[in-house]
Amino acid sequence: MAYTVASVLGSSAAGWFAGKRSGKAEILGTAASTIEILAARSDTLDANVEDLKGKLREKDEQIADLTGRVNVLADLATQRAAVAEVKEVVDRIAAKLEC
């Protein structure tokens, strides 16, 4: 009978230790899986951020190009207005000379 009690207690203790060890292994496995998932998401987010930075650089270049074009057009409009004023003066002088 003592042997049976000792056997039951030994089996219980072994089961408890095995369960505790198994539980720790499961927790560590879950933690490792969680870390892998978070690392993958972090890598994906980093890639998305780099992609967005590239797109922003492209947009900045396009804006700079368009700003340059607008400045050229503004200069041309100003020059055209100046030429129109000079033409008007020349036409008045020509009209006075014809008289």
Protein backbone atom coordinates (compact mmCIF):
# COMPACT_ATOMS: atom_id res chain seq x y z
CA MET A 1 0.00 0.00 0.00
CA ALA A 2 2.84 2.37 0.78
CA TYR A 3 4.28 1.49 -2.60
CA THR A 4 0.97 2.44 -4.28
CA VAL A 5 0.76 5.74 -2.41
CA ALA A 6 4.39 6.52 -3.24
CA SER A 7 3.75 5.57 -6.86
CA VAL A 8 0.68 7.82 -7.07
CA LEU A 9 2.53 10.71 -5.42
CA GLY A 10 5.52 10.20 -7.69
CA SER A 11 3.33 10.05 -10.77
CA SER A 12 1.48 13.18 -9.66
CA ALA A 13 4.71 15.05 -9.02
CA ALA A 14 6.14 13.95 -12.37
CA GLY A 15 2.94 15.00 -14.11
CA TRP A 16 3.00 18.36 -12.40
CA PHE A 17 6.62 19.03 -13.37
CA ALA A 18 6.02 17.80 -16.93
CA GLY A 19 2.93 20.02 -17.21
CA LYS A 20 4.80 23.00 -15.84
CA ARG A 21 7.67 22.44 -18.27
CA SER A 22 5.22 21.91 -21.15
CA GLY A 23 3.36 25.10 -20.21
CA LYS A 24 6.58 27.11 -20.22
CA ALA A 25 7.53 25.66 -23.60
CA GLU A 26 4.11 26.57 -24.99
CA ILE A 27 4.36 30.10 -23.61
CA LEU A 28 7.84 30.51 -25.08
CA GLY A 29 6.61 29.15 -28.42
CA THR A 30 3.70 31.58 -28.44
CA ALA A 31 6.04 34.45 -27.53
CA ALA A 32 8.44 33.49 -30.33
CA SER A 33 5.57 33.32 -32.84
CA THR A 34 4.31 36.71 -31.68
CA ILE A 35 7.77 38.21 -32.09
CA GLU A 36 8.05 36.77 -35.60
CA ILE A 37 4.67 38.21 -36.54
CA LEU A 38 5.58 41.63 -35.14
CA ALA A 39 8.94 41.57 -36.93
CA ALA A 40 7.20 40.75 -40.22
CA ARG A 41 4.71 43.57 -39.72
CA SER A 42 7.53 45.95 -38.83
CA ASP A 43 9.41 45.00 -42.00
CA THR A 44 6.25 45.52 -44.06
CA LEU A 45 5.66 48.92 -42.48
CA ASP A 46 9.28 49.91 -43.11
CA ALA A 47 8.91 48.94 -46.75
CA ASN A 48 5.68 50.95 -47.02
CA VAL A 49 7.35 53.98 -45.43
CA GLU A 50 10.26 53.78 -47.88
CA ASP A 51 7.79 53.50 -50.77
CA LEU A 52 5.90 56.57 -49.54
CA LYS A 53 9.16 58.51 -49.13
CA GLY A 54 10.03 57.66 -52.73
CA LYS A 55 6.64 58.84 -53.93
CA LEU A 56 7.02 62.07 -51.95
CA ARG A 57 10.43 62.68 -53.54
CA GLU A 58 8.87 62.17 -56.99
CA LYS A 59 6.04 64.58 -56.17
CA ASP A 60 8.53 67.17 -54.87
CA GLU A 61 10.49 66.88 -58.13
CA GLN A 62 7.29 67.28 -60.15
CA ILE A 63 6.27 70.32 -58.11
CA ALA A 64 9.72 71.87 -58.57
CA ASP A 65 9.50 71.26 -62.33
CA LEU A 66 6.01 72.75 -62.54
CA THR A 67 7.06 75.75 -60.44
CA GLY A 68 9.93 76.36 -62.86
CA ARG A 69 7.54 76.21 -65.80
CA VAL A 70 5.13 78.63 -64.13
CA ASN A 71 8.00 81.06 -63.49
CA VAL A 72 9.05 80.86 -67.16
CA LEU A 73 5.47 81.52 -68.26
CA ALA A 74 5.18 84.45 -65.86
CA ASP A 75 8.41 85.91 -67.23
CA LEU A 76 7.15 85.45 -70.79
CA ALA A 77 3.87 87.19 -69.93
CA THR A 78 5.77 90.08 -68.36
CA GLN A 79 8.05 90.36 -71.41
CA ARG A 80 5.03 90.26 -73.72
CA ALA A 81 3.39 93.10 -71.79
CA ALA A 82 6.64 95.10 -72.02
CA VAL A 83 6.85 94.43 -75.77
CA ALA A 84 3.25 95.53 -76.18
CA GLU A 85 4.03 98.82 -74.40
CA VAL A 86 7.08 99.39 -76.60
CA LYS A 87 5.04 98.61 -79.73
CA GLU A 88 2.44 101.13 -78.64
CA VAL A 89 5.11 103.79 -78.21
CA VAL A 90 6.64 102.92 -81.58
CA ASP A 91 3.20 103.09 -83.23
CA ARG A 92 2.60 106.56 -81.74
CA ILE A 93 5.99 107.76 -82.96
CA ALA A 94 5.28 106.31 -86.41
CA ALA A 95 1.88 108.02 -86.47
CA LYS A 96 3.48 111.38 -85.57
CA LEU A 97 6.12 110.93 -88.24
CA GLU A 98 3.50 110.21 -90.92
CA CYS A 99 1.58 113.33 -90.15
